[in-house]
Amino acid sequence: MEDHDVTGSRVEIETTVGLPPERLWDLITDVPRIADWSPECEHLAWLDADDAAPRVGARFEGRNRRQDRVWTVTSVVTEADRPRSFAWAVLDRAGDPERPSSRWRYDLEPAEEPGRTVVRHSFEHGPGDSGLREMIRSNPEIASVILDVRLGELRKHMTETLDAMTRD
């Protein structure tokens, strides 16, 4: 497996939560609060005063921790359609939103039961550079194990974040 083989690697979770779409959308787009719920993200903040709202083009910075590794990323909102979808691209060092290190999104739709929402939360590794690519380049003999472990962690963390968010 080459490091470019991670492009398009994907994780998606789908669940139904006990909040209406409008309330869930407000939580998902309250970017600074995500760090309160995420097991990996330690801090998030909008970068510009004008960006302190979930709108396309708004940028935010996040600091993440995984085991002993800490890193900071900049993301740009790519979709903000209240209360249906919220998406962003995590930029690599080159900063090209067309070649991000990853893309994240939430899609919300009302459940059949009033006051509940069907949530699809997804991650897709992009063509840009990332810590995952660096690990695979450094350890090509175990690349598939590294990828499987990381995707499993992301699935677990996405689930834990959504569970914590909807308990508040």
N, C-alpha and C. Protein backbone atom coordinates (compact mmCIF):
# COMPACT_ATOMS: atom_id res chain seq x y z
N MET A 1 0.85 -1.19 0.00
CA MET A 1 0.00 0.00 0.00
C MET A 1 0.88 1.24 0.00
N GLU A 2 0.58 2.15 -0.89
CA GLU A 2 1.27 3.43 -0.97
C GLU A 2 0.48 4.46 -0.18
N ASP A 3 1.14 5.57 0.20
CA ASP A 3 0.41 6.58 0.97
C ASP A 3 -0.73 7.19 0.16
N HIS A 4 -0.62 7.20 -1.18
CA HIS A 4 -1.71 7.75 -1.99
C HIS A 4 -2.94 6.85 -1.98
N ASP A 5 -2.77 5.61 -1.56
CA ASP A 5 -3.90 4.68 -1.51
C ASP A 5 -4.92 5.03 -0.42
N VAL A 6 -4.57 5.95 0.49
CA VAL A 6 -5.53 6.32 1.53
C VAL A 6 -6.58 7.30 1.01
N THR A 7 -6.30 7.96 -0.12
CA THR A 7 -7.27 8.90 -0.68
C THR A 7 -8.60 8.19 -0.92
N GLY A 8 -9.65 8.79 -0.41
CA GLY A 8 -10.98 8.19 -0.55
C GLY A 8 -11.35 7.24 0.57
N SER A 9 -10.40 6.91 1.46
CA SER A 9 -10.76 6.07 2.62
C SER A 9 -11.83 6.80 3.40
N ARG A 10 -12.81 6.05 3.84
CA ARG A 10 -14.02 6.69 4.35
C ARG A 10 -14.56 5.99 5.59
N VAL A 11 -15.16 6.80 6.46
CA VAL A 11 -15.91 6.29 7.61
C VAL A 11 -17.23 7.02 7.61
N GLU A 12 -18.32 6.29 7.84
CA GLU A 12 -19.63 6.92 7.95
C GLU A 12 -20.40 6.21 9.05
N ILE A 13 -21.02 7.03 9.89
CA ILE A 13 -21.91 6.47 10.91
C ILE A 13 -23.30 7.04 10.65
N GLU A 14 -24.31 6.26 11.00
CA GLU A 14 -25.69 6.73 10.89
C GLU A 14 -26.42 6.29 12.14
N THR A 15 -27.15 7.22 12.73
CA THR A 15 -27.91 6.92 13.93
C THR A 15 -29.09 7.88 14.02
N THR A 16 -30.00 7.57 14.91
CA THR A 16 -31.13 8.46 15.18
C THR A 16 -30.97 8.99 16.60
N VAL A 17 -31.11 10.30 16.76
CA VAL A 17 -30.93 10.93 18.06
C VAL A 17 -32.22 11.62 18.50
N GLY A 18 -32.33 11.85 19.80
CA GLY A 18 -33.53 12.42 20.38
C GLY A 18 -33.55 13.93 20.42
N LEU A 19 -33.15 14.57 19.33
CA LEU A 19 -33.20 16.02 19.20
C LEU A 19 -33.78 16.36 17.83
N PRO A 20 -34.51 17.47 17.72
CA PRO A 20 -34.97 17.88 16.40
C PRO A 20 -33.80 18.39 15.55
N PRO A 21 -33.92 18.33 14.23
CA PRO A 21 -32.81 18.74 13.36
C PRO A 21 -32.27 20.14 13.65
N GLU A 22 -33.14 21.10 13.92
CA GLU A 22 -32.68 22.47 14.16
C GLU A 22 -31.78 22.54 15.39
N ARG A 23 -32.15 21.85 16.45
CA ARG A 23 -31.33 21.87 17.68
C ARG A 23 -30.01 21.15 17.44
N LEU A 24 -30.05 20.01 16.76
CA LEU A 24 -28.82 19.27 16.50
C LEU A 24 -27.89 20.08 15.60
N TRP A 25 -28.44 20.73 14.59
CA TRP A 25 -27.63 21.56 13.70
C TRP A 25 -26.93 22.67 14.49
N ASP A 26 -27.66 23.29 15.42
CA ASP A 26 -27.06 24.34 16.25
C ASP A 26 -25.89 23.80 17.08
N LEU A 27 -26.01 22.59 17.59
CA LEU A 27 -24.91 21.99 18.36
C LEU A 27 -23.72 21.66 17.46
N ILE A 28 -23.99 21.04 16.34
CA ILE A 28 -22.93 20.64 15.41
C ILE A 28 -22.14 21.86 14.93
N THR A 29 -22.82 22.95 14.71
CA THR A 29 -22.16 24.14 14.16
C THR A 29 -21.63 25.09 15.24
N ASP A 30 -21.78 24.73 16.49
CA ASP A 30 -21.17 25.50 17.59
C ASP A 30 -19.74 25.00 17.74
N VAL A 31 -18.92 25.36 16.77
CA VAL A 31 -17.57 24.80 16.60
C VAL A 31 -16.74 24.80 17.88
N PRO A 32 -16.67 25.89 18.65
CA PRO A 32 -15.84 25.86 19.86
C PRO A 32 -16.27 24.79 20.88
N ARG A 33 -17.53 24.41 20.87
CA ARG A 33 -18.02 23.42 21.84
C ARG A 33 -17.66 21.98 21.46
N ILE A 34 -17.30 21.73 20.23
CA ILE A 34 -16.98 20.36 19.81
C ILE A 34 -15.89 19.77 20.70
N ALA A 35 -14.94 20.58 21.11
CA ALA A 35 -13.87 20.10 21.99
C ALA A 35 -14.41 19.59 23.32
N ASP A 36 -15.57 20.05 23.75
CA ASP A 36 -16.18 19.56 24.98
C ASP A 36 -16.64 18.11 24.85
N TRP A 37 -16.92 17.69 23.63
CA TRP A 37 -17.51 16.37 23.40
C TRP A 37 -16.55 15.37 22.76
N SER A 38 -15.55 15.84 22.06
CA SER A 38 -14.68 14.96 21.28
C SER A 38 -13.56 14.35 22.12
N PRO A 39 -13.28 13.06 21.96
CA PRO A 39 -12.16 12.44 22.67
C PRO A 39 -10.80 12.78 22.04
N GLU A 40 -10.79 13.38 20.85
CA GLU A 40 -9.53 13.66 20.17
C GLU A 40 -9.27 15.16 20.01
N CYS A 41 -10.30 15.93 19.80
CA CYS A 41 -10.16 17.37 19.60
C CYS A 41 -10.08 18.07 20.96
N GLU A 42 -9.02 18.83 21.17
CA GLU A 42 -8.83 19.52 22.45
C GLU A 42 -9.30 20.97 22.43
N HIS A 43 -9.28 21.58 21.27
CA HIS A 43 -9.64 23.01 21.19
C HIS A 43 -10.05 23.34 19.75
N LEU A 44 -11.11 24.13 19.63
CA LEU A 44 -11.54 24.63 18.33
C LEU A 44 -11.94 26.10 18.49
N ALA A 45 -11.62 26.89 17.49
CA ALA A 45 -11.99 28.31 17.53
C ALA A 45 -12.12 28.83 16.11
N TRP A 46 -13.11 29.72 15.92
CA TRP A 46 -13.23 30.42 14.65
C TRP A 46 -12.00 31.32 14.50
N LEU A 47 -11.48 31.46 13.29
CA LEU A 47 -10.25 32.23 13.08
C LEU A 47 -10.48 33.74 12.96
N ASP A 48 -11.57 34.15 12.39
CA ASP A 48 -11.84 35.57 12.20
C ASP A 48 -13.15 35.92 12.88
N ALA A 49 -13.26 37.16 13.34
CA ALA A 49 -14.52 37.59 13.96
C ALA A 49 -15.69 37.37 13.02
N ASP A 50 -15.47 37.62 11.74
CA ASP A 50 -16.53 37.41 10.75
C ASP A 50 -16.86 35.93 10.55
N ASP A 51 -15.94 35.05 10.98
CA ASP A 51 -16.13 33.62 10.78
C ASP A 51 -16.90 32.96 11.91
N ALA A 52 -17.26 33.68 12.95
CA ALA A 52 -17.89 33.08 14.11
C ALA A 52 -19.34 32.70 13.83
N ALA A 53 -19.56 32.13 12.68
CA ALA A 53 -20.89 31.66 12.29
C ALA A 53 -20.71 30.55 11.26
N PRO A 54 -21.63 29.61 11.26
CA PRO A 54 -21.52 28.50 10.31
C PRO A 54 -21.94 28.91 8.91
N ARG A 55 -21.00 29.46 8.14
CA ARG A 55 -21.30 29.85 6.76
C ARG A 55 -20.18 29.37 5.85
N VAL A 56 -20.50 29.15 4.61
CA VAL A 56 -19.50 28.69 3.64
C VAL A 56 -18.37 29.71 3.58
N GLY A 57 -17.15 29.21 3.65
CA GLY A 57 -15.96 30.05 3.61
C GLY A 57 -15.41 30.41 4.97
N ALA A 58 -16.21 30.24 6.03
CA ALA A 58 -15.72 30.51 7.38
C ALA A 58 -14.61 29.51 7.72
N ARG A 59 -13.61 29.98 8.47
CA ARG A 59 -12.48 29.13 8.81
C ARG A 59 -12.38 28.96 10.32
N PHE A 60 -11.93 27.79 10.72
CA PHE A 60 -11.68 27.54 12.14
C PHE A 60 -10.42 26.71 12.30
N GLU A 61 -9.84 26.81 13.49
CA GLU A 61 -8.60 26.10 13.79
C GLU A 61 -8.88 25.10 14.91
N GLY A 62 -8.29 23.94 14.80
CA GLY A 62 -8.46 22.91 15.82
C GLY A 62 -7.14 22.34 16.26
N ARG A 63 -7.08 22.02 17.55
CA ARG A 63 -5.90 21.32 18.09
C ARG A 63 -6.38 19.93 18.53
N ASN A 64 -5.72 18.92 18.00
CA ASN A 64 -6.08 17.53 18.27
C ASN A 64 -4.96 16.81 19.01
N ARG A 65 -5.36 15.77 19.72
CA ARG A 65 -4.38 14.92 20.40
C ARG A 65 -4.76 13.46 20.17
N ARG A 66 -3.77 12.71 19.77
CA ARG A 66 -3.93 11.26 19.60
C ARG A 66 -2.68 10.62 20.19
N GLN A 67 -2.86 9.90 21.27
CA GLN A 67 -1.74 9.32 22.01
C GLN A 67 -0.77 10.45 22.37
N ASP A 68 0.49 10.37 21.97
CA ASP A 68 1.47 11.41 22.32
C ASP A 68 1.61 12.48 21.26
N ARG A 69 0.83 12.41 20.22
CA ARG A 69 0.95 13.36 19.11
C ARG A 69 -0.10 14.46 19.23
N VAL A 70 0.34 15.73 19.12
CA VAL A 70 -0.56 16.88 19.14
C VAL A 70 -0.35 17.63 17.84
N TRP A 71 -1.45 18.04 17.19
CA TRP A 71 -1.32 18.78 15.94
C TRP A 71 -2.45 19.79 15.82
N THR A 72 -2.20 20.80 15.02
CA THR A 72 -3.17 21.86 14.78
C THR A 72 -3.51 21.87 13.30
N VAL A 73 -4.79 22.06 13.01
CA VAL A 73 -5.25 22.12 11.62
C VAL A 73 -6.16 23.32 11.42
N THR A 74 -6.23 23.76 10.19
CA THR A 74 -7.18 24.80 9.80
C THR A 74 -8.20 24.16 8.88
N SER A 75 -9.46 24.51 9.12
CA SER A 75 -10.55 23.97 8.31
C SER A 75 -11.36 25.11 7.72
N VAL A 76 -12.02 24.82 6.61
CA VAL A 76 -12.89 25.81 5.97
C VAL A 76 -14.25 25.16 5.75
N VAL A 77 -15.30 25.89 6.10
CA VAL A 77 -16.67 25.39 5.93
C VAL A 77 -16.98 25.35 4.43
N THR A 78 -17.46 24.21 3.97
CA THR A 78 -17.79 24.04 2.55
C THR A 78 -19.29 23.94 2.30
N GLU A 79 -20.06 23.69 3.36
CA GLU A 79 -21.52 23.64 3.22
C GLU A 79 -22.14 23.96 4.58
N ALA A 80 -23.15 24.81 4.57
CA ALA A 80 -23.85 25.18 5.81
C ALA A 80 -25.31 25.46 5.45
N ASP A 81 -26.11 24.42 5.48
CA ASP A 81 -27.52 24.51 5.09
C ASP A 81 -28.37 24.11 6.29
N ARG A 82 -28.74 25.11 7.11
CA ARG A 82 -29.51 24.83 8.32
C ARG A 82 -30.91 24.40 7.95
N PRO A 83 -31.44 23.35 8.52
CA PRO A 83 -30.87 22.39 9.46
C PRO A 83 -30.51 21.06 8.79
N ARG A 84 -30.06 21.10 7.55
CA ARG A 84 -29.86 19.86 6.79
C ARG A 84 -28.43 19.35 6.75
N SER A 85 -27.45 20.25 6.56
CA SER A 85 -26.09 19.75 6.38
C SER A 85 -25.05 20.78 6.83
N PHE A 86 -23.93 20.24 7.28
CA PHE A 86 -22.78 21.04 7.66
C PHE A 86 -21.56 20.25 7.26
N ALA A 87 -20.65 20.89 6.49
CA ALA A 87 -19.47 20.18 6.00
C ALA A 87 -18.27 21.12 6.01
N TRP A 88 -17.08 20.51 6.14
CA TRP A 88 -15.86 21.30 6.12
C TRP A 88 -14.71 20.47 5.57
N ALA A 89 -13.71 21.19 5.09
CA ALA A 89 -12.49 20.56 4.59
C ALA A 89 -11.35 20.92 5.52
N VAL A 90 -10.57 19.92 5.90
CA VAL A 90 -9.37 20.14 6.71
C VAL A 90 -8.22 20.37 5.74
N LEU A 91 -7.61 21.54 5.85
CA LEU A 91 -6.55 21.91 4.92
C LEU A 91 -5.22 21.32 5.34
N ASP A 92 -4.41 20.96 4.36
CA ASP A 92 -3.04 20.55 4.68
C ASP A 92 -2.15 21.79 4.61
N ARG A 93 -0.84 21.61 4.68
CA ARG A 93 0.08 22.76 4.70
C ARG A 93 -0.04 23.63 3.46
N ALA A 94 -0.42 23.06 2.33
CA ALA A 94 -0.56 23.82 1.09
C ALA A 94 -1.79 24.73 1.13
N GLY A 95 -2.78 24.39 1.95
CA GLY A 95 -3.96 25.22 2.13
C GLY A 95 -4.95 25.25 0.98
N ASP A 96 -4.89 24.28 0.10
CA ASP A 96 -5.78 24.24 -1.06
C ASP A 96 -7.07 23.48 -0.70
N PRO A 97 -8.22 24.17 -0.62
CA PRO A 97 -9.46 23.49 -0.25
C PRO A 97 -9.91 22.45 -1.27
N GLU A 98 -9.36 22.49 -2.48
CA GLU A 98 -9.68 21.47 -3.48
C GLU A 98 -8.88 20.19 -3.26
N ARG A 99 -7.82 20.27 -2.45
CA ARG A 99 -6.98 19.10 -2.15
C ARG A 99 -6.76 19.01 -0.64
N PRO A 100 -7.85 18.88 0.12
CA PRO A 100 -7.71 18.86 1.59
C PRO A 100 -7.14 17.54 2.09
N SER A 101 -6.71 17.56 3.32
CA SER A 101 -6.27 16.30 3.92
C SER A 101 -7.49 15.41 4.21
N SER A 102 -8.63 16.05 4.51
CA SER A 102 -9.85 15.28 4.72
C SER A 102 -11.07 16.18 4.55
N ARG A 103 -12.21 15.51 4.40
CA ARG A 103 -13.51 16.20 4.33
C ARG A 103 -14.42 15.54 5.38
N TRP A 104 -15.13 16.39 6.08
CA TRP A 104 -16.06 15.93 7.10
C TRP A 104 -17.44 16.49 6.79
N ARG A 105 -18.49 15.76 7.18
CA ARG A 105 -19.83 16.31 6.98
C ARG A 105 -20.84 15.65 7.91
N TYR A 106 -21.88 16.41 8.19
CA TYR A 106 -23.07 15.93 8.88
C TYR A 106 -24.24 16.16 7.94
N ASP A 107 -25.10 15.16 7.79
CA ASP A 107 -26.36 15.29 7.07
C ASP A 107 -27.46 14.91 8.05
N LEU A 108 -28.46 15.78 8.14
CA LEU A 108 -29.55 15.59 9.10
C LEU A 108 -30.88 15.53 8.37
N GLU A 109 -31.76 14.66 8.84
CA GLU A 109 -33.13 14.65 8.32
C GLU A 109 -34.07 14.27 9.45
N PRO A 110 -35.25 14.84 9.45
CA PRO A 110 -36.21 14.50 10.50
C PRO A 110 -36.51 13.00 10.48
N ALA A 111 -36.56 12.42 11.67
CA ALA A 111 -36.95 11.01 11.78
C ALA A 111 -38.47 10.93 11.70
N GLU A 112 -38.97 9.72 11.57
CA GLU A 112 -40.43 9.56 11.53
C GLU A 112 -41.07 10.00 12.83
N GLU A 113 -40.36 9.79 13.93
CA GLU A 113 -40.88 10.21 15.23
C GLU A 113 -40.58 11.69 15.43
N PRO A 114 -41.56 12.48 15.81
CA PRO A 114 -41.33 13.92 16.02
C PRO A 114 -40.24 14.16 17.07
N GLY A 115 -39.45 15.21 16.85
CA GLY A 115 -38.41 15.58 17.81
C GLY A 115 -37.15 14.74 17.72
N ARG A 116 -37.04 13.91 16.70
CA ARG A 116 -35.85 13.05 16.53
C ARG A 116 -35.24 13.31 15.16
N THR A 117 -33.96 12.99 15.03
CA THR A 117 -33.23 13.25 13.79
C THR A 117 -32.39 12.05 13.38
N VAL A 118 -32.43 11.72 12.11
CA VAL A 118 -31.50 10.74 11.54
C VAL A 118 -30.24 11.53 11.15
N VAL A 119 -29.11 11.09 11.68
CA VAL A 119 -27.83 11.77 11.46
C VAL A 119 -26.90 10.84 10.70
N ARG A 120 -26.29 11.37 9.64
CA ARG A 120 -25.19 10.69 8.95
C ARG A 120 -23.97 11.58 9.11
N HIS A 121 -22.94 11.03 9.71
CA HIS A 121 -21.70 11.77 9.94
C HIS A 121 -20.61 11.03 9.18
N SER A 122 -19.86 11.76 8.34
CA SER A 122 -18.86 11.07 7.52
C SER A 122 -17.52 11.79 7.52
N PHE A 123 -16.50 10.99 7.29
CA PHE A 123 -15.12 11.42 7.12
C PHE A 123 -14.63 10.78 5.84
N GLU A 124 -13.91 11.57 5.03
CA GLU A 124 -13.27 11.01 3.84
C GLU A 124 -11.88 11.59 3.72
N HIS A 125 -10.89 10.71 3.62
CA HIS A 125 -9.52 11.17 3.47
C HIS A 125 -9.34 11.75 2.08
N GLY A 126 -8.74 12.91 2.02
CA GLY A 126 -8.55 13.58 0.74
C GLY A 126 -7.19 13.31 0.13
N PRO A 127 -6.95 13.98 -0.95
CA PRO A 127 -5.66 13.80 -1.62
C PRO A 127 -4.52 14.59 -0.96
N GLY A 128 -4.87 15.52 -0.07
CA GLY A 128 -3.83 16.34 0.58
C GLY A 128 -3.02 15.54 1.58
N ASP A 129 -1.97 16.18 2.08
CA ASP A 129 -1.08 15.52 3.04
C ASP A 129 -1.74 15.45 4.41
N SER A 130 -1.29 14.48 5.23
CA SER A 130 -1.86 14.31 6.55
C SER A 130 -0.92 13.49 7.43
N GLY A 131 -1.24 13.45 8.71
CA GLY A 131 -0.49 12.61 9.63
C GLY A 131 -0.60 11.14 9.27
N LEU A 132 -1.76 10.74 8.78
CA LEU A 132 -1.94 9.35 8.37
C LEU A 132 -1.00 9.00 7.23
N ARG A 133 -0.89 9.87 6.25
CA ARG A 133 0.04 9.63 5.15
C ARG A 133 1.48 9.55 5.65
N GLU A 134 1.83 10.43 6.59
CA GLU A 134 3.19 10.41 7.16
C GLU A 134 3.47 9.08 7.84
N MET A 135 2.50 8.58 8.62
CA MET A 135 2.69 7.29 9.30
C MET A 135 2.87 6.16 8.29
N ILE A 136 2.08 6.18 7.22
CA ILE A 136 2.18 5.13 6.21
C ILE A 136 3.50 5.21 5.47
N ARG A 137 3.95 6.42 5.15
CA ARG A 137 5.25 6.57 4.48
C ARG A 137 6.39 6.06 5.37
N SER A 138 6.25 6.27 6.68
CA SER A 138 7.30 5.84 7.62
C SER A 138 7.26 4.35 7.90
N ASN A 139 6.11 3.72 7.68
CA ASN A 139 5.94 2.30 8.01
C ASN A 139 5.19 1.58 6.90
N PRO A 140 5.71 1.57 5.68
CA PRO A 140 4.96 0.99 4.56
C PRO A 140 4.64 -0.49 4.73
N GLU A 141 5.45 -1.21 5.50
CA GLU A 141 5.22 -2.65 5.67
C GLU A 141 3.96 -2.95 6.49
N ILE A 142 3.47 -1.97 7.23
CA ILE A 142 2.24 -2.18 8.00
C ILE A 142 1.17 -1.14 7.64
N ALA A 143 1.23 -0.65 6.42
CA ALA A 143 0.33 0.42 5.98
C ALA A 143 -1.14 0.05 6.14
N SER A 144 -1.51 -1.17 5.75
CA SER A 144 -2.93 -1.53 5.83
C SER A 144 -3.40 -1.60 7.28
N VAL A 145 -2.53 -2.02 8.19
CA VAL A 145 -2.88 -2.06 9.61
C VAL A 145 -3.06 -0.64 10.14
N ILE A 146 -2.15 0.25 9.77
CA ILE A 146 -2.24 1.65 10.20
C ILE A 146 -3.56 2.25 9.73
N LEU A 147 -3.91 2.04 8.47
CA LEU A 147 -5.15 2.58 7.92
C LEU A 147 -6.36 2.00 8.65
N ASP A 148 -6.41 0.69 8.84
CA ASP A 148 -7.54 0.06 9.52
C ASP A 148 -7.70 0.57 10.95
N VAL A 149 -6.59 0.68 11.66
CA VAL A 149 -6.64 1.17 13.05
C VAL A 149 -7.16 2.60 13.08
N ARG A 150 -6.62 3.45 12.20
CA ARG A 150 -7.04 4.86 12.21
C ARG A 150 -8.51 5.02 11.84
N LEU A 151 -8.97 4.32 10.83
CA LEU A 151 -10.39 4.41 10.47
C LEU A 151 -11.28 3.90 11.60
N GLY A 152 -10.85 2.86 12.29
CA GLY A 152 -11.60 2.36 13.46
C GLY A 152 -11.65 3.39 14.58
N GLU A 153 -10.53 4.06 14.81
CA GLU A 153 -10.50 5.12 15.83
C GLU A 153 -11.45 6.26 15.45
N LEU A 154 -11.39 6.66 14.20
CA LEU A 154 -12.27 7.74 13.76
C LEU A 154 -13.74 7.37 13.95
N ARG A 155 -14.11 6.16 13.57
CA ARG A 155 -15.50 5.71 13.74
C ARG A 155 -15.89 5.77 15.22
N LYS A 156 -15.02 5.28 16.08
CA LYS A 156 -15.29 5.29 17.52
C LYS A 156 -15.41 6.72 18.04
N HIS A 157 -14.50 7.59 17.65
CA HIS A 157 -14.52 8.98 18.12
C HIS A 157 -15.72 9.75 17.57
N MET A 158 -16.09 9.50 16.34
CA MET A 158 -17.27 10.15 15.77
C MET A 158 -18.53 9.75 16.55
N THR A 159 -18.64 8.48 16.89
CA THR A 159 -19.77 7.98 17.65
C THR A 159 -19.79 8.58 19.05
N GLU A 160 -18.63 8.59 19.71
CA GLU A 160 -18.54 9.13 21.07
C GLU A 160 -18.86 10.63 21.08
N THR A 161 -18.40 11.36 20.08
CA THR A 161 -18.66 12.80 20.02
C THR A 161 -20.16 13.05 19.85
N LEU A 162 -20.79 12.36 18.95
CA LEU A 162 -22.22 12.54 18.72
C LEU A 162 -23.02 12.14 19.96
N ASP A 163 -22.63 11.05 20.61
CA ASP A 163 -23.32 10.62 21.84
C ASP A 163 -23.20 11.69 22.92
N ALA A 164 -22.01 12.22 23.13
CA ALA A 164 -21.80 13.24 24.16
C ALA A 164 -22.55 14.53 23.81
N MET A 165 -22.54 14.90 22.57
CA MET A 165 -23.21 16.11 22.11
C MET A 165 -24.71 16.04 22.37
N THR A 166 -25.30 14.91 22.12
CA THR A 166 -26.75 14.78 22.24
C THR A 166 -27.21 14.48 23.66
N ARG A 167 -26.27 14.26 24.58
CA ARG A 167 -26.62 14.07 25.99
C ARG A 167 -26.72 15.42 26.70
N ASP A 168 -26.05 16.44 26.18
CA ASP A 168 -26.03 17.76 26.84
C ASP A 168 -27.40 18.40 26.85
